[in-house]
Structures are given as C-alpha cells and as structure tokens.
PDB file of N, CA and C in Angstrom:
ATOM      1  N   MET A   1      48.558 191.798-258.674  1.00  0.00           N
ATOM      2  CA  MET A   1      49.604 190.963-259.224  1.00  0.00           C
ATOM      3  C   MET A   1      49.828 189.696-258.408  1.00  0.00           C
ATOM      4  N   TYR A   2      49.408 189.709-257.132  1.00  0.00           N
ATOM      5  CA  TYR A   2      49.645 188.526-256.301  1.00  0.00           C
ATOM      6  C   TYR A   2      48.966 187.291-256.872  1.00  0.00           C
ATOM      7  N   LYS A   3      47.954 187.489-257.709  1.00  0.00           N
ATOM      8  CA  LYS A   3      47.279 186.347-258.328  1.00  0.00           C
ATOM      9  C   LYS A   3      48.122 185.745-259.448  1.00  0.00           C
ATOM     10  N   HIS A   4      49.055 186.541-259.960  1.00  0.00           N
ATOM     11  CA  HIS A   4      49.800 186.119-261.135  1.00  0.00           C
ATOM     12  C   HIS A   4      51.273 185.823-260.885  1.00  0.00           C
ATOM     13  N   LEU A   5      51.829 186.379-259.808  1.00  0.00           N
ATOM     14  CA  LEU A   5      53.257 186.221-259.537  1.00  0.00           C
ATOM     15  C   LEU A   5      53.491 185.750-258.116  1.00  0.00           C
ATOM     16  N   ARG A   6      54.607 185.050-257.910  1.00  0.00           N
ATOM     17  CA  ARG A   6      55.029 184.667-256.560  1.00  0.00           C
ATOM     18  C   ARG A   6      56.550 184.605-256.532  1.00  0.00           C
ATOM     19  N   PHE A   7      57.078 184.764-255.331  1.00  0.00           N
ATOM     20  CA  PHE A   7      58.519 184.623-255.141  1.00  0.00           C
ATOM     21  C   PHE A   7      58.823 183.206-254.704  1.00  0.00           C
ATOM     22  N   LYS A   8      59.853 182.642-255.269  1.00  0.00           N
ATOM     23  CA  LYS A   8      60.429 181.393-254.783  1.00  0.00           C
ATOM     24  C   LYS A   8      61.875 181.750-254.503  1.00  0.00           C
ATOM     25  N   ASP A   9      62.168 181.962-253.228  1.00  0.00           N
ATOM     26  CA  ASP A   9      63.427 182.548-252.801  1.00  0.00           C
ATOM     27  C   ASP A   9      63.528 183.933-253.440  1.00  0.00           C
ATOM     28  N   ASP A  10      64.525 184.165-254.261  1.00  0.00           N
ATOM     29  CA  ASP A  10      64.692 185.489-254.871  1.00  0.00           C
ATOM     30  C   ASP A  10      64.304 185.507-256.346  1.00  0.00           C
ATOM     31  N   VAL A  11      63.666 184.447-256.790  1.00  0.00           N
ATOM     32  CA  VAL A  11      63.241 184.338-258.185  1.00  0.00           C
ATOM     33  C   VAL A  11      61.731 184.559-258.241  1.00  0.00           C
ATOM     34  N   VAL A  12      61.286 185.251-259.289  1.00  0.00           N
ATOM     35  CA  VAL A  12      59.855 185.489-259.487  1.00  0.00           C
ATOM     36  C   VAL A  12      59.331 184.414-260.427  1.00  0.00           C
ATOM     37  N   GLU A  13      58.213 183.790-260.024  1.00  0.00           N
ATOM     38  CA  GLU A  13      57.579 182.766-260.851  1.00  0.00           C
ATOM     39  C   GLU A  13      56.194 183.238-261.261  1.00  0.00           C
ATOM     40  N   GLY A  14      55.818 182.900-262.474  1.00  0.00           N
ATOM     41  CA  GLY A  14      54.465 183.181-262.920  1.00  0.00           C
ATOM     42  C   GLY A  14      53.524 182.105-262.415  1.00  0.00           C
ATOM     43  N   LYS A  15      52.393 182.538-261.858  1.00  0.00           N
ATOM     44  CA  LYS A  15      51.386 181.591-261.382  1.00  0.00           C
ATOM     45  C   LYS A  15      50.286 181.388-262.425  1.00  0.00           C
ATOM     46  N   SER A  16      50.323 182.203-263.441  1.00  0.00           N
ATOM     47  CA  SER A  16      49.317 182.139-264.498  1.00  0.00           C
ATOM     48  C   SER A  16      49.999 182.479-265.817  1.00  0.00           C
ATOM     49  N   THR A  17      49.251 182.379-266.879  1.00  0.00           N
ATOM     50  CA  THR A  17      49.791 182.754-268.189  1.00  0.00           C
ATOM     51  C   THR A  17      50.203 184.225-268.181  1.00  0.00           C
ATOM     52  N   ALA A  18      49.362 185.062-267.588  1.00  0.00           N
ATOM     53  CA  ALA A  18      49.694 186.494-267.499  1.00  0.00           C
ATOM     54  C   ALA A  18      50.951 186.705-266.668  1.00  0.00           C
ATOM     55  N   GLY A  19      51.095 185.953-265.596  1.00  0.00           N
ATOM     56  CA  GLY A  19      52.278 186.063-264.752  1.00  0.00           C
ATOM     57  C   GLY A  19      53.534 185.634-265.487  1.00  0.00           C
ATOM     58  N   GLU A  20      53.457 184.537-266.207  1.00  0.00           N
ATOM     59  CA  GLU A  20      54.609 184.061-266.981  1.00  0.00           C
ATOM     60  C   GLU A  20      54.993 185.084-268.045  1.00  0.00           C
ATOM     61  N   PHE A  21      53.981 185.667-268.697  1.00  0.00           N
ATOM     62  CA  PHE A  21      54.242 186.700-269.695  1.00  0.00           C
ATOM     63  C   PHE A  21      54.941 187.902-269.056  1.00  0.00           C
ATOM     64  N   THR A  22      54.474 188.306-267.873  1.00  0.00           N
ATOM     65  CA  THR A  22      55.057 189.453-267.178  1.00  0.00           C
ATOM     66  C   THR A  22      56.510 189.189-266.800  1.00  0.00           C
ATOM     67  N   VAL A  23      56.792 188.004-266.292  1.00  0.00           N
ATOM     68  CA  VAL A  23      58.171 187.647-265.916  1.00  0.00           C
ATOM     69  C   VAL A  23      59.085 187.753-267.132  1.00  0.00           C
ATOM     70  N   LYS A  24      58.622 187.239-268.259  1.00  0.00           N
ATOM     71  CA  LYS A  24      59.440 187.287-269.473  1.00  0.00           C
ATOM     72  C   LYS A  24      59.545 188.714-270.018  1.00  0.00           C
ATOM     73  N   LEU A  25      58.424 189.413-270.072  1.00  0.00           N
ATOM     74  CA  LEU A  25      58.410 190.766-270.632  1.00  0.00           C
ATOM     75  C   LEU A  25      59.321 191.711-269.856  1.00  0.00           C
ATOM     76  N   LEU A  26      59.236 191.649-268.537  1.00  0.00           N
ATOM     77  CA  LEU A  26      60.020 192.553-267.690  1.00  0.00           C
ATOM     78  C   LEU A  26      61.384 191.983-267.314  1.00  0.00           C
ATOM     79  N   ASP A  27      61.654 190.764-267.747  1.00  0.00           N
ATOM     80  CA  ASP A  27      62.933 190.101-267.459  1.00  0.00           C
ATOM     81  C   ASP A  27      63.218 190.117-265.953  1.00  0.00           C
ATOM     82  N   LEU A  28      62.209 189.710-265.176  1.00  0.00           N
ATOM     83  CA  LEU A  28      62.282 189.787-263.715  1.00  0.00           C
ATOM     84  C   LEU A  28      63.314 188.848-263.097  1.00  0.00           C
ATOM     85  N   ASN A  29      63.783 187.887-263.852  1.00  0.00           N
ATOM     86  CA  ASN A  29      64.767 186.951-263.311  1.00  0.00           C
ATOM     87  C   ASN A  29      66.127 187.082-263.989  1.00  0.00           C
ATOM     88  N   GLU A  30      66.374 188.214-264.586  1.00  0.00           N
ATOM     89  CA  GLU A  30      67.687 188.499-265.157  1.00  0.00           C
ATOM     90  C   GLU A  30      68.689 188.408-264.008  1.00  0.00           C
ATOM     91  N   PRO A  31      69.848 187.800-264.219  1.00  0.00           N
ATOM     92  CA  PRO A  31      70.796 187.567-263.117  1.00  0.00           C
ATOM     93  C   PRO A  31      71.126 188.798-262.269  1.00  0.00           C
ATOM     94  N   THR A  32      71.261 189.949-262.892  1.00  0.00           N
ATOM     95  CA  THR A  32      71.571 191.161-262.125  1.00  0.00           C
ATOM     96  C   THR A  32      70.409 191.539-261.211  1.00  0.00           C
ATOM     97  N   VAL A  33      69.194 191.357-261.699  1.00  0.00           N
ATOM     98  CA  VAL A  33      68.000 191.680-260.909  1.00  0.00           C
ATOM     99  C   VAL A  33      67.873 190.707-259.732  1.00  0.00           C
ATOM    100  N   VAL A  34      68.104 189.429-259.985  1.00  0.00           N
ATOM    101  CA  VAL A  34      68.045 188.424-258.916  1.00  0.00           C
ATOM    102  C   VAL A  34      69.132 188.702-257.884  1.00  0.00           C
ATOM    103  N   SER A  35      70.311 189.044-258.341  1.00  0.00           N
ATOM    104  CA  SER A  35      71.408 189.368-257.426  1.00  0.00           C
ATOM    105  C   SER A  35      71.058 190.572-256.561  1.00  0.00           C
ATOM    106  N   TYR A  36      70.464 191.581-257.170  1.00  0.00           N
ATOM    107  CA  TYR A  36      70.031 192.764-256.411  1.00  0.00           C
ATOM    108  C   TYR A  36      68.999 192.373-255.354  1.00  0.00           C
ATOM    109  N   ARG A  37      68.031 191.553-255.763  1.00  0.00           N
ATOM    110  CA  ARG A  37      66.992 191.089-254.834  1.00  0.00           C
ATOM    111  C   ARG A  37      67.621 190.328-253.663  1.00  0.00           C
ATOM    112  N   GLN A  38      68.623 189.496-253.947  1.00  0.00           N
ATOM    113  CA  GLN A  38      69.316 188.757-252.894  1.00  0.00           C
ATOM    114  C   GLN A  38      70.038 189.718-251.951  1.00  0.00           C
ATOM    115  N   SER A  39      70.659 190.737-252.512  1.00  0.00           N
ATOM    116  CA  SER A  39      71.372 191.726-251.686  1.00  0.00           C
ATOM    117  C   SER A  39      70.411 192.464-250.764  1.00  0.00           C
ATOM    118  N   VAL A  40      69.271 192.846-251.294  1.00  0.00           N
ATOM    119  CA  VAL A  40      68.277 193.556-250.476  1.00  0.00           C
ATOM    120  C   VAL A  40      67.760 192.635-249.365  1.00  0.00           C
ATOM    121  N   THR A  41      67.511 191.392-249.696  1.00  0.00           N
ATOM    122  CA  THR A  41      67.045 190.429-248.688  1.00  0.00           C
ATOM    123  C   THR A  41      68.084 190.262-247.584  1.00  0.00           C
ATOM    124  N   GLN A  42      69.345 190.152-247.959  1.00  0.00           N
ATOM    125  CA  GLN A  42      70.421 190.019-246.964  1.00  0.00           C
ATOM    126  C   GLN A  42      70.533 191.281-246.112  1.00  0.00           C
ATOM    127  N   LEU A  43      70.363 192.435-246.732  1.00  0.00           N
ATOM    128  CA  LEU A  43      70.414 193.692-245.992  1.00  0.00           C
ATOM    129  C   LEU A  43      69.275 193.781-244.987  1.00  0.00           C
ATOM    130  N   ILE A  44      68.086 193.380-245.379  1.00  0.00           N
ATOM    131  CA  ILE A  44      66.940 193.387-244.466  1.00  0.00           C
ATOM    132  C   ILE A  44      67.203 192.453-243.292  1.00  0.00           C
ATOM    133  N   GLU A  45      67.717 191.266-243.568  1.00  0.00           N
ATOM    134  CA  GLU A  45      68.019 190.311-242.496  1.00  0.00           C
ATOM    135  C   GLU A  45      69.065 190.876-241.543  1.00  0.00           C
ATOM    136  N   ALA A  46      70.087 191.523-242.085  1.00  0.00           N
ATOM    137  CA  ALA A  46      71.129 192.120-241.237  1.00  0.00           C
ATOM    138  C   ALA A  46      70.568 193.268-240.406  1.00  0.00           C
ATOM    139  N   MET A  47      69.709 194.075-240.998  1.00  0.00           N
ATOM    140  CA  MET A  47      69.107 195.196-240.265  1.00  0.00           C
ATOM    141  C   MET A  47      68.188 194.688-239.148  1.00  0.00           C
ATOM    142  N   LEU A  48      67.446 193.626-239.418  1.00  0.00           N
ATOM    143  CA  LEU A  48      66.586 193.044-238.375  1.00  0.00           C
ATOM    144  C   LEU A  48      67.419 192.497-237.222  1.00  0.00           C
ATOM    145  N   ALA A  49      68.525 191.851-237.542  1.00  0.00           N
ATOM    146  CA  ALA A  49      69.409 191.329-236.497  1.00  0.00           C
ATOM    147  C   ALA A  49      69.993 192.480-235.679  1.00  0.00           C
ATOM    148  N   GLN A  50      70.406 193.546-236.357  1.00  0.00           N
ATOM    149  CA  GLN A  50      70.954 194.718-235.661  1.00  0.00           C
ATOM    150  C   GLN A  50      69.900 195.352-234.763  1.00  0.00           C
ATOM    151  N   LEU A  51      68.684 195.468-235.253  1.00  0.00           N
ATOM    152  CA  LEU A  51      67.606 196.035-234.447  1.00  0.00           C
ATOM    153  C   LEU A  51      67.352 195.179-233.209  1.00  0.00           C
ATOM    154  N   HIS A  52      67.386 193.879-233.368  1.00  0.00           N
ATOM    155  CA  HIS A  52      67.197 192.972-232.236  1.00  0.00           C
ATOM    156  C   HIS A  52      68.310 193.158-231.200  1.00  0.00           C
ATOM    157  N   ARG A  53      69.546 193.267-231.671  1.00  0.00           N
ATOM    158  CA  ARG A  53      70.669 193.487-230.749  1.00  0.00           C
ATOM    159  C   ARG A  53      70.524 194.821-230.023  1.00  0.00           C
ATOM    160  N   LEU A  54      70.169 195.855-230.760  1.00  0.00           N
ATOM    161  CA  LEU A  54      69.996 197.170-230.135  1.00  0.00           C
ATOM    162  C   LEU A  54      68.885 197.146-229.085  1.00  0.00           C
ATOM    163  N   ASP A  55      67.786 196.480-229.398  1.00  0.00           N
ATOM    164  CA  ASP A  55      66.683 196.367-228.432  1.00  0.00           C
ATOM    165  C   ASP A  55      67.142 195.664-227.153  1.00  0.00           C
ATOM    166  N   ASN A  56      67.948 194.608-227.309  1.00  0.00           N
ATOM    167  CA  ASN A  56      68.452 193.883-226.138  1.00  0.00           C
ATOM    168  C   ASN A  56      69.385 194.747-225.291  1.00  0.00           C
ATOM    169  N   VAL A  57      70.293 195.451-225.952  1.00  0.00           N
ATOM    170  CA  VAL A  57      71.217 196.326-225.215  1.00  0.00           C
ATOM    171  C   VAL A  57      70.442 197.440-224.531  1.00  0.00           C
ATOM    172  N   TYR A  58      69.468 197.995-225.238  1.00  0.00           N
ATOM    173  CA  TYR A  58      68.642 199.057-224.670  1.00  0.00           C
ATOM    174  C   TYR A  58      67.947 198.581-223.390  1.00  0.00           C
ATOM    175  N   ALA A  59      67.381 197.398-223.442  1.00  0.00           N
ATOM    176  CA  ALA A  59      66.671 196.860-222.272  1.00  0.00           C
ATOM    177  C   ALA A  59      67.627 196.643-221.103  1.00  0.00           C
ATOM    178  N   ARG A  60      68.795 196.084-221.378  1.00  0.00           N
ATOM    179  CA  ARG A  60      69.760 195.833-220.293  1.00  0.00           C
ATOM    180  C   ARG A  60      70.276 197.135-219.680  1.00  0.00           C
ATOM    181  N   LEU A  61      70.608 198.103-220.528  1.00  0.00           N
ATOM    182  CA  LEU A  61      71.109 199.378-220.009  1.00  0.00           C
ATOM    183  C   LEU A  61      70.029 200.157-219.271  1.00  0.00           C
ATOM    184  N   SER A  62      68.810 200.080-219.744  1.00  0.00           N
ATOM    185  CA  SER A  62      67.706 200.758-219.061  1.00  0.00           C
ATOM    186  C   SER A  62      67.499 200.183-217.665  1.00  0.00           C
ATOM    187  N   ALA A  63      67.623 198.863-217.550  1.00  0.00           N
ATOM    188  CA  ALA A  63      67.484 198.219-216.244  1.00  0.00           C
ATOM    189  C   ALA A  63      68.601 198.676-215.304  1.00  0.00           C
ATOM    190  N   LEU A  64      69.810 198.772-215.828  1.00  0.00           N
ATOM    191  CA  LEU A  64      70.929 199.250-215.015  1.00  0.00           C
ATOM    192  C   LEU A  64      70.732 200.706-214.599  1.00  0.00           C
ATOM    193  N   ALA A  65      70.252 201.527-215.507  1.00  0.00           N
ATOM    194  CA  ALA A  65      70.053 202.948-215.213  1.00  0.00           C
ATOM    195  C   ALA A  65      68.988 203.148-214.145  1.00  0.00           C
ATOM    196  N   GLU A  66      67.980 202.276-214.143  1.00  0.00           N
ATOM    197  CA  GLU A  66      66.916 202.368-213.130  1.00  0.00           C
ATOM    198  C   GLU A  66      67.454 202.107-211.731  1.00  0.00           C
ATOM    199  N   LYS A  67      68.474 201.292-211.621  1.00  0.00           N
ATOM    200  CA  LYS A  67      69.068 201.000-210.318  1.00  0.00           C
ATOM    201  C   LYS A  67      69.827 202.198-209.765  1.00  0.00           C
ATOM    202  N   GLY A  68      70.204 203.111-210.671  1.00  0.00           N
ATOM    203  CA  GLY A  68      70.933 204.302-210.233  1.00  0.00           C
ATOM    204  C   GLY A  68      72.384 203.982-209.947  1.00  0.00           C
ATOM    205  N   GLY A  69      72.984 204.840-209.167  1.00  0.00           N
ATOM    206  CA  GLY A  69      74.372 204.620-208.787  1.00  0.00           C
ATOM    207  C   GLY A  69      75.339 205.372-209.675  1.00  0.00           C
ATOM    208  N   GLU A  70      76.597 205.084-209.426  1.00  0.00           N
ATOM    209  CA  GLU A  70      77.669 205.754-210.148  1.00  0.00           C
ATOM    210  C   GLU A  70      77.626 205.373-211.630  1.00  0.00           C
ATOM    211  N   GLY A  71      77.873 206.338-212.477  1.00  0.00           N
ATOM    212  CA  GLY A  71      77.888 206.090-213.912  1.00  0.00           C
ATOM    213  C   GLY A  71      76.524 206.171-214.576  1.00  0.00           C
ATOM    214  N   ARG A  72      75.500 206.549-213.809  1.00  0.00           N
ATOM    215  CA  ARG A  72      74.137 206.612-214.357  1.00  0.00           C
ATOM    216  C   ARG A  72      74.048 207.618-215.502  1.00  0.00           C
ATOM    217  N   ASP A  73      74.720 208.767-215.367  1.00  0.00           N
ATOM    218  CA  ASP A  73      74.670 209.782-216.419  1.00  0.00           C
ATOM    219  C   ASP A  73      75.249 209.250-217.726  1.00  0.00           C
ATOM    220  N   LYS A  74      76.330 208.509-217.631  1.00  0.00           N
ATOM    221  CA  LYS A  74      76.939 207.913-218.830  1.00  0.00           C
ATOM    222  C   LYS A  74      75.988 206.886-219.446  1.00  0.00           C
ATOM    223  N   LEU A  75      75.348 206.084-218.592  1.00  0.00           N
ATOM    224  CA  LEU A  75      74.371 205.114-219.085  1.00  0.00           C
ATOM    225  C   LEU A  75      73.237 205.818-219.824  1.00  0.00           C
ATOM    226  N   LEU A  76      72.720 206.897-219.238  1.00  0.00           N
ATOM    227  CA  LEU A  76      71.612 207.621-219.862  1.00  0.00           C
ATOM    228  C   LEU A  76      72.025 208.204-221.209  1.00  0.00           C
ATOM    229  N   SER A  77      73.247 208.682-221.291  1.00  0.00           N
ATOM    230  CA  SER A  77      73.767 209.205-222.551  1.00  0.00           C
ATOM    231  C   SER A  77      73.855 208.099-223.601  1.00  0.00           C
ATOM    232  N   THR A  78      74.330 206.949-223.185  1.00  0.00           N
ATOM    233  CA  THR A  78      74.435 205.805-224.095  1.00  0.00           C
ATOM    234  C   THR A  78      73.051 205.336-224.531  1.00  0.00           C
ATOM    235  N   ILE A  79      72.121 205.333-223.597  1.00  0.00           N
ATOM    236  CA  ILE A  79      70.743 204.933-223.908  1.00  0.00           C
ATOM    237  C   ILE A  79      70.141 205.864-224.961  1.00  0.00           C
ATOM    238  N   LYS A  80      70.381 207.161-224.821  1.00  0.00           N
ATOM    239  CA  LYS A  80      69.860 208.114-225.810  1.00  0.00           C
ATOM    240  C   LYS A  80      70.435 207.830-227.192  1.00  0.00           C
ATOM    241  N   GLN A  81      71.725 207.512-227.253  1.00  0.00           N
ATOM    242  CA  GLN A  81      72.336 207.189-228.545  1.00  0.00           C
ATOM    243  C   GLN A  81      71.738 205.915-229.120  1.00  0.00           C
ATOM    244  N   ILE A  82      71.485 204.935-228.280  1.00  0.00           N
ATOM    245  CA  ILE A  82      70.875 203.685-228.749  1.00  0.00           C
ATOM    246  C   ILE A  82      69.468 203.956-229.273  1.00  0.00           C
ATOM    247  N   GLU A  83      68.726 204.839-228.608  1.00  0.00           N
ATOM    248  CA  GLU A  83      67.393 205.201-229.094  1.00  0.00           C
ATOM    249  C   GLU A  83      67.475 205.798-230.502  1.00  0.00           C
ATOM    250  N   ILE A  84      68.483 206.629-230.726  1.00  0.00           N
ATOM    251  CA  ILE A  84      68.686 207.217-232.059  1.00  0.00           C
ATOM    252  C   ILE A  84      69.015 206.122-233.070  1.00  0.00           C
ATOM    253  N   ASP A  85      69.895 205.200-232.684  1.00  0.00           N
ATOM    254  CA  ASP A  85      70.276 204.103-233.578  1.00  0.00           C
ATOM    255  C   ASP A  85      69.083 203.198-233.891  1.00  0.00           C
ATOM    256  N   ILE A  86      68.237 202.951-232.903  1.00  0.00           N
ATOM    257  CA  ILE A  86      67.032 202.140-233.116  1.00  0.00           C
ATOM    258  C   ILE A  86      66.106 202.845-234.106  1.00  0.00           C
ATOM    259  N   ALA A  87      65.918 204.139-233.932  1.00  0.00           N
ATOM    260  CA  ALA A  87      65.053 204.899-234.843  1.00  0.00           C
ATOM    261  C   ALA A  87      65.602 204.858-236.276  1.00  0.00           C
ATOM    262  N   LYS A  88      66.916 204.989-236.422  1.00  0.00           N
ATOM    263  CA  LYS A  88      67.534 204.925-237.751  1.00  0.00           C
ATOM    264  C   LYS A  88      67.332 203.545-238.382  1.00  0.00           C
ATOM    265  N   ALA A  89      67.522 202.512-237.589  1.00  0.00           N
ATOM    266  CA  ALA A  89      67.346 201.147-238.101  1.00  0.00           C
ATOM    267  C   ALA A  89      65.899 200.917-238.530  1.00  0.00           C
ATOM    268  N   LYS A  90      64.961 201.409-237.742  1.00  0.00           N
ATOM    269  CA  LYS A  90      63.549 201.254-238.095  1.00  0.00           C
ATOM    270  C   LYS A  90      63.208 202.013-239.375  1.00  0.00           C
ATOM    271  N   ARG A  91      63.739 203.219-239.518  1.00  0.00           N
ATOM    272  CA  ARG A  91      63.490 203.993-240.750  1.00  0.00           C
ATOM    273  C   ARG A  91      64.071 203.270-241.961  1.00  0.00           C
ATOM    274  N   ALA A  92      65.261 202.736-241.820  1.00  0.00           N
ATOM    275  CA  ALA A  92      65.884 202.004-242.930  1.00  0.00           C
ATOM    276  C   ALA A  92      65.053 200.784-243.311  1.00  0.00           C
ATOM    277  N   LEU A  93      64.580 200.056-242.297  1.00  0.00           N
ATOM    278  CA  LEU A  93      63.750 198.880-242.572  1.00  0.00           C
ATOM    279  C   LEU A  93      62.432 199.275-243.219  1.00  0.00           C
ATOM    280  N   GLU A  94      61.853 200.370-242.780  1.00  0.00           N
ATOM    281  CA  GLU A  94      60.605 200.841-243.392  1.00  0.00           C
ATOM    282  C   GLU A  94      60.822 201.192-244.856  1.00  0.00           C
ATOM    283  N   GLN A  95      61.954 201.792-245.170  1.00  0.00           N
ATOM    284  CA  GLN A  95      62.247 202.130-246.566  1.00  0.00           C
ATOM    285  C   GLN A  95      62.508 200.895-247.401  1.00  0.00           C
ATOM    286  N   LEU A  96      63.165 199.905-246.830  1.00  0.00           N
ATOM    287  CA  LEU A  96      63.488 198.687-247.572  1.00  0.00           C
ATOM    288  C   LEU A  96      62.278 197.781-247.770  1.00  0.00           C
ATOM    289  N   THR A  97      61.379 197.777-246.786  1.00  0.00           N
ATOM    290  CA  THR A  97      60.265 196.832-246.829  1.00  0.00           C
ATOM    291  C   THR A  97      58.909 197.457-247.099  1.00  0.00           C
ATOM    292  N   ALA A  98      58.826 198.769-247.000  1.00  0.00           N
ATOM    293  CA  ALA A  98      57.548 199.484-247.142  1.00  0.00           C
ATOM    294  C   ALA A  98      56.534 199.017-246.090  1.00  0.00           C
ATOM    295  N   GLN A  99      57.047 198.644-244.926  1.00  0.00           N
ATOM    296  CA  GLN A  99      56.209 198.222-243.804  1.00  0.00           C
ATOM    297  C   GLN A  99      56.635 198.988-242.557  1.00  0.00           C
ATOM    298  N   PRO A 100      55.679 199.295-241.684  1.00  0.00           N
ATOM    299  CA  PRO A 100      56.039 200.004-240.443  1.00  0.00           C
ATOM    300  C   PRO A 100      56.769 199.090-239.460  1.00  0.00           C
ATOM    301  N   PHE A 101      57.678 199.697-238.705  1.00  0.00           N
ATOM    302  CA  PHE A 101      58.411 198.962-237.669  1.00  0.00           C
ATOM    303  C   PHE A 101      58.284 199.679-236.356  1.00  0.00           C
TER     304      PHE A 101
END
C-alpha cells in the first residue's frame, strides 16, 4: 500500500488512482477517523516524552545509588519502580506503533 497511500500529517492521501479510490472507498479521512489518528499521534508523542523523562531519572538515581551512602535502599527501591514504569511505557509504545522499543 505504500506505493498508493501516504500520510500528510494525520490525513491519508492517494498517491495513485488506486490510492485515491481506497481513500474514498474506506473513508480514511472521515473527521472522526482523522481525529482518532491525531489522538493516537499525540498519545505516542506523550509516551515518548514520558519514556525520555523516566530514562533520565533512572540514570541520575542509578548514579546516586552507585555512590552508596545513607538512603541507598530507598533509591534502589525507587529505581526498581522506575524500571517497571519504563517497561510499561515501552510495551504501550510497542502496541501503539507496532515497533520494538
């Protein structure tokens, strides 16, 4: 289908006669469908930003935990929770994008 269709933002455009026919037949640019596509795109962007933040916090806390000292056990507990949150975010992104993270 990549030969016949392309995205322009959240709208599907036909690149060929077959593509134009498909867009019309399946009503790929019906307002509700475009709105849904926009929502999914925004969700993916938000999930990527969250994953980036979690990765940064994970790195900073891991560096602190390596230094040891008082509160290390609490840091390690927090790090484990962040690892779980990172895994959840990656699974969600994989489901939304059908790509590995």
